[in-house]
Amino acid sequence: MRKILIIALVLLASWPAQAAVPDLNINLTDDHVDITAGFNGERLTLFGVRRDKGDIAIVVRGPGASVTVRRKEPVLGLWMNRESVTFENVPLYYDMAMSGPLKRIAGPDVLAGHEIGLSNMQFRYTGQEEEGVVDRFREVLIRNRQEHGLFPLEPRRIKFLDGNFFRADFYLPPDVPTGIYTIDAYLFRDGGITSLKQATLRVAQVGFNADLYNFANKGALLYGLAAVFLAFGTGWAAHYLLRRD
């Protein structure tokens, strides 16, 4: 509660004189998320202030990466990968909060231009597959990420606390990807974007998790050998203890 009050005071204190009042201002409760041993997810809270009336959309995007979606088919009694589509620069995390329905906030061209909403995300792909085939793979990609809590099932609601002071809450699941996240806050009036504010969030492993991750990536061979010896030692110890009993 104290952190919420501090952020509210910071937003209000940073509000300039009327002659230079911005249309929109935002602030995160934390600009970083540390992933340690036993990390069970994290709630991300954003506060903001708008000068006048207008609809607001907030989009949180994780780092981008290439994602390959494959389809398995039975071949001689075995399920094997056949068709596949690789999508480029897919955000590994995507979530959004709205002050109202998308159709009311802006037209499809404006929403598509800023990729606001899952249906407006432009997944670029490699290959010569037909558009209908790509659309099916795109749906599978979205559904798989929704199952892991990395894409939303539906937009979250922006809560207005007092007049033009608002709040939006997001959730980062336990297997959230690390990297730099971007937060875009849009203010809409008359179907167009009148203001855009941006913030960044750093999600990183720290402590033993970070050391283990770096070891696994920088010394893959040693990490693999250590994993094999650990498994062998654990199995031998269990066998020895059971024989004693």
Protein backbone atom coordinates (compact mmCIF):
# COMPACT_ATOMS: atom_id res chain seq x y z
CA MET A 1 0.00 0.00 0.00
CA ARG A 2 2.85 2.38 0.82
CA LYS A 3 4.40 1.79 -2.63
CA ILE A 4 1.07 2.60 -4.29
CA LEU A 5 0.80 5.89 -2.40
CA ILE A 6 4.38 6.81 -3.25
CA ILE A 7 3.78 6.22 -6.97
CA ALA A 8 0.59 8.24 -6.88
CA LEU A 9 2.43 11.13 -5.23
CA VAL A 10 5.27 10.87 -7.75
CA LEU A 11 2.86 11.00 -10.67
CA LEU A 12 1.05 13.99 -9.24
CA ALA A 13 4.24 15.76 -8.23
CA SER A 14 5.75 15.27 -11.68
CA TRP A 15 2.64 16.73 -13.32
CA PRO A 16 3.88 20.02 -14.83
CA ALA A 17 2.19 23.37 -14.97
CA GLN A 18 -1.05 23.60 -16.95
CA ALA A 19 0.71 25.23 -19.92
CA ALA A 20 2.75 22.09 -20.51
CA VAL A 21 0.50 19.36 -19.13
CA PRO A 22 0.99 16.08 -21.08
CA ASP A 23 -2.05 14.12 -22.09
CA LEU A 24 -0.80 10.93 -20.45
CA ASN A 25 1.71 9.83 -17.83
CA ILE A 26 2.51 6.32 -16.52
CA ASN A 27 4.72 4.66 -13.91
CA LEU A 28 5.46 1.05 -12.85
CA THR A 29 5.56 -0.09 -9.25
CA ASP A 30 8.79 -1.94 -10.15
CA ASP A 31 10.91 -1.60 -13.26
CA HIS A 32 12.49 -5.03 -12.81
CA VAL A 33 11.48 -8.58 -11.93
CA ASP A 34 14.11 -10.85 -10.37
CA ILE A 35 13.75 -14.57 -10.98
CA THR A 36 15.22 -16.56 -8.10
CA ALA A 37 14.91 -20.14 -6.88
CA GLY A 38 11.26 -20.87 -6.10
CA PHE A 39 9.94 -18.08 -8.37
CA ASN A 40 6.16 -18.56 -8.66
CA GLY A 41 5.25 -15.67 -10.91
CA GLU A 42 4.93 -11.97 -10.30
CA ARG A 43 2.21 -9.36 -10.48
CA LEU A 44 3.02 -6.23 -12.45
CA THR A 45 1.14 -3.05 -11.56
CA LEU A 46 1.10 0.15 -13.58
CA PHE A 47 -0.37 3.50 -12.52
CA GLY A 48 -1.11 6.44 -14.75
CA VAL A 49 -2.83 9.79 -15.11
CA ARG A 50 -4.61 11.23 -18.12
CA ARG A 51 -5.30 14.93 -18.49
CA ASP A 52 -8.78 14.73 -20.03
CA LYS A 53 -11.31 12.14 -21.03
CA GLY A 54 -10.37 9.46 -23.50
CA ASP A 55 -9.97 5.71 -23.83
CA ILE A 56 -6.72 4.02 -22.83
CA ALA A 57 -4.99 0.86 -24.02
CA ILE A 58 -1.86 -0.59 -22.41
CA VAL A 59 0.18 -3.27 -24.18
CA VAL A 60 3.01 -5.26 -22.57
CA ARG A 61 5.37 -7.02 -24.99
CA GLY A 62 8.20 -9.37 -24.12
CA PRO A 63 11.37 -9.86 -26.15
CA GLY A 64 10.90 -11.18 -29.69
CA ALA A 65 12.18 -14.48 -31.06
CA SER A 66 11.63 -16.90 -33.93
CA VAL A 67 9.02 -19.54 -33.11
CA THR A 68 8.48 -22.70 -35.19
CA VAL A 69 5.08 -24.38 -35.07
CA ARG A 70 4.96 -28.00 -36.29
CA ARG A 71 2.10 -30.31 -37.12
CA LYS A 72 2.39 -34.05 -36.50
CA GLU A 73 0.77 -36.66 -38.70
CA PRO A 74 0.67 -40.47 -38.48
CA VAL A 75 3.26 -42.13 -40.73
CA LEU A 76 3.44 -45.95 -40.69
CA GLY A 77 1.93 -46.02 -37.23
CA LEU A 78 4.22 -43.31 -35.84
CA TRP A 79 3.44 -39.66 -35.20
CA MET A 80 6.01 -37.55 -37.02
CA ASN A 81 6.49 -33.84 -37.70
CA ARG A 82 5.41 -33.01 -41.24
CA GLU A 83 4.42 -29.42 -41.95
CA SER A 84 5.92 -26.48 -40.07
CA VAL A 85 5.84 -22.68 -40.17
CA THR A 86 8.45 -20.41 -38.59
CA PHE A 87 7.20 -17.03 -37.40
CA GLU A 88 9.73 -14.23 -37.00
CA ASN A 89 10.06 -11.78 -34.10
CA VAL A 90 7.15 -13.18 -32.09
CA PRO A 91 6.83 -11.54 -28.65
CA LEU A 92 7.43 -14.31 -26.12
CA TYR A 93 4.99 -12.54 -23.80
CA TYR A 94 2.03 -10.34 -24.72
CA ASP A 95 -0.71 -8.87 -22.56
CA MET A 96 -2.98 -5.87 -22.70
CA ALA A 97 -5.44 -3.83 -20.66
CA MET A 98 -8.25 -1.68 -22.03
CA SER A 99 -10.59 0.97 -20.67
CA GLY A 100 -13.32 -0.22 -23.03
CA PRO A 101 -14.06 -2.58 -25.94
CA LEU A 102 -11.58 -2.53 -28.81
CA LYS A 103 -14.27 -1.71 -31.36
CA ARG A 104 -15.20 1.42 -29.41
CA ILE A 105 -11.67 2.64 -28.86
CA ALA A 106 -10.47 2.81 -32.48
CA GLY A 107 -10.92 1.48 -35.98
CA PRO A 108 -9.27 -1.70 -37.27
CA ASP A 109 -6.62 0.20 -39.25
CA VAL A 110 -5.39 2.09 -36.19
CA LEU A 111 -5.37 -1.02 -34.01
CA ALA A 112 -3.61 -3.12 -36.65
CA GLY A 113 -1.02 -0.41 -37.23
CA HIS A 114 0.08 -0.60 -33.59
CA GLU A 115 -0.67 -4.34 -33.15
CA ILE A 116 -3.13 -3.72 -30.34
CA GLY A 117 -5.01 -6.95 -29.68
CA LEU A 118 -4.14 -10.55 -30.54
CA SER A 119 -6.13 -10.43 -33.78
CA ASN A 120 -4.03 -7.45 -34.90
CA MET A 121 -0.61 -8.97 -34.23
CA GLN A 122 1.34 -9.33 -37.46
CA PHE A 123 3.24 -12.60 -37.31
CA ARG A 124 5.74 -12.52 -40.16
CA TYR A 125 6.79 -15.95 -41.39
CA THR A 126 9.34 -17.64 -43.59
CA GLY A 127 8.35 -20.07 -46.31
CA GLN A 128 5.92 -20.30 -49.21
CA GLU A 129 2.89 -21.72 -47.41
CA GLU A 130 -0.56 -20.59 -48.47
CA GLU A 131 -2.28 -17.94 -46.37
CA GLY A 132 -4.96 -20.33 -45.11
CA VAL A 133 -2.32 -22.80 -43.90
CA VAL A 134 -0.38 -20.02 -42.15
CA ASP A 135 -3.55 -18.81 -40.42
CA ARG A 136 -4.11 -22.26 -38.91
CA PHE A 137 -0.54 -22.39 -37.61
CA ARG A 138 -0.95 -18.86 -36.27
CA GLU A 139 -4.03 -19.93 -34.30
CA VAL A 140 -2.11 -22.87 -32.85
CA LEU A 141 0.76 -20.58 -31.82
CA ILE A 142 -1.60 -18.20 -30.02
CA ARG A 143 -3.49 -21.05 -28.33
CA ASN A 144 -0.28 -22.71 -27.10
CA ARG A 145 0.99 -19.47 -25.58
CA GLN A 146 -2.38 -18.83 -23.98
CA GLU A 147 -2.23 -22.24 -22.32
CA HIS A 148 1.07 -21.22 -20.70
CA GLY A 149 -0.29 -17.84 -19.58
CA LEU A 150 2.01 -15.94 -21.96
CA PHE A 151 -0.80 -14.53 -24.13
CA PRO A 152 -4.13 -13.26 -22.72
CA LEU A 153 -7.43 -15.05 -23.11
CA GLU A 154 -9.10 -11.64 -23.09
CA PRO A 155 -8.00 -8.04 -22.42
CA ARG A 156 -7.66 -6.93 -18.82
CA ARG A 157 -9.64 -3.99 -17.50
CA ILE A 158 -8.12 -0.65 -16.62
CA LYS A 159 -9.43 0.58 -13.26
CA PHE A 160 -10.00 4.27 -12.69
CA LEU A 161 -9.29 5.02 -9.05
CA ASP A 162 -10.14 8.71 -8.87
CA GLY A 163 -11.17 10.76 -11.86
CA ASN A 164 -8.33 10.44 -14.37
CA PHE A 165 -5.99 8.43 -12.13
CA PHE A 166 -5.95 4.78 -13.27
CA ARG A 167 -4.37 1.41 -12.58
CA ALA A 168 -3.69 -1.73 -14.63
CA ASP A 169 -2.57 -5.12 -13.27
CA PHE A 170 -0.75 -7.83 -15.22
CA TYR A 171 0.62 -11.25 -14.29
CA LEU A 172 3.96 -12.77 -15.26
CA PRO A 173 3.78 -16.61 -15.00
CA PRO A 174 6.53 -18.75 -13.41
CA ASP A 175 8.06 -19.64 -16.80
CA VAL A 176 8.07 -16.05 -18.05
CA PRO A 177 10.93 -15.45 -20.52
CA THR A 178 13.77 -13.19 -19.45
CA GLY A 179 14.73 -10.01 -21.27
CA ILE A 180 13.62 -6.42 -21.73
CA TYR A 181 9.87 -5.85 -21.88
CA THR A 182 8.23 -2.78 -23.40
CA ILE A 183 5.05 -1.20 -22.06
CA ASP A 184 3.11 1.06 -24.44
CA ALA A 185 0.24 3.17 -23.11
CA TYR A 186 -2.04 4.75 -25.72
CA LEU A 187 -4.61 7.49 -25.24
CA PHE A 188 -7.44 7.52 -27.79
CA ARG A 189 -9.85 10.28 -28.71
CA ASP A 190 -12.30 10.25 -31.61
CA GLY A 191 -10.90 6.94 -32.82
CA GLY A 192 -7.30 8.16 -33.09
CA ILE A 193 -4.19 8.02 -30.90
CA THR A 194 -3.49 11.39 -29.30
CA SER A 195 -0.72 10.37 -26.91
CA LEU A 196 1.73 7.51 -26.41
CA LYS A 197 3.84 6.83 -23.33
CA GLN A 198 6.41 4.06 -23.05
CA ALA A 199 8.20 2.29 -20.22
CA THR A 200 10.52 -0.71 -19.97
CA LEU A 201 10.71 -3.66 -17.61
CA ARG A 202 13.72 -5.90 -17.06
CA VAL A 203 13.06 -9.58 -16.28
CA ALA A 204 16.23 -11.42 -15.31
CA GLN A 205 17.48 -14.39 -13.37
CA VAL A 206 19.55 -13.51 -10.31
CA GLY A 207 21.54 -15.41 -7.69
CA PHE A 208 22.05 -19.16 -8.10
CA ASN A 209 19.55 -19.31 -10.97
CA ALA A 210 21.61 -16.82 -12.96
CA ASP A 211 24.87 -18.66 -12.21
CA LEU A 212 23.38 -21.99 -13.29
CA TYR A 213 21.91 -20.45 -16.46
CA ASN A 214 25.23 -18.87 -17.42
CA PHE A 215 27.07 -22.14 -16.73
CA ALA A 216 24.64 -24.10 -18.90
CA ASN A 217 24.98 -21.66 -21.80
CA LYS A 218 28.69 -20.86 -21.65
CA GLY A 219 29.90 -24.34 -20.75
CA ALA A 220 27.35 -26.65 -22.34
CA LEU A 221 29.70 -29.65 -22.44
CA LEU A 222 30.71 -29.36 -18.78
CA TYR A 223 27.09 -28.76 -17.80
CA GLY A 224 26.01 -31.92 -19.66
CA LEU A 225 28.76 -34.00 -18.05
CA ALA A 226 27.89 -32.64 -14.61
CA ALA A 227 24.22 -33.52 -15.16
CA VAL A 228 25.16 -37.08 -16.19
CA PHE A 229 27.45 -37.59 -13.17
CA LEU A 230 24.82 -36.12 -10.85
CA ALA A 231 22.18 -38.49 -12.19
CA PHE A 232 24.57 -41.43 -11.93
CA GLY A 233 25.57 -40.49 -8.36
CA THR A 234 21.96 -40.05 -7.28
CA GLY A 235 20.99 -43.43 -8.73
CA TRP A 236 23.95 -45.18 -7.12
CA ALA A 237 23.22 -43.58 -3.73
CA ALA A 238 19.56 -44.62 -3.90
CA HIS A 239 20.54 -48.18 -4.85
CA TYR A 240 23.08 -48.36 -2.01
CA LEU A 241 20.60 -47.09 0.60
CA LEU A 242 17.90 -49.52 -0.55
CA ARG A 243 20.28 -52.47 -0.36
CA ARG A 244 21.21 -51.51 3.22
CA ASP A 245 17.56 -51.53 4.22
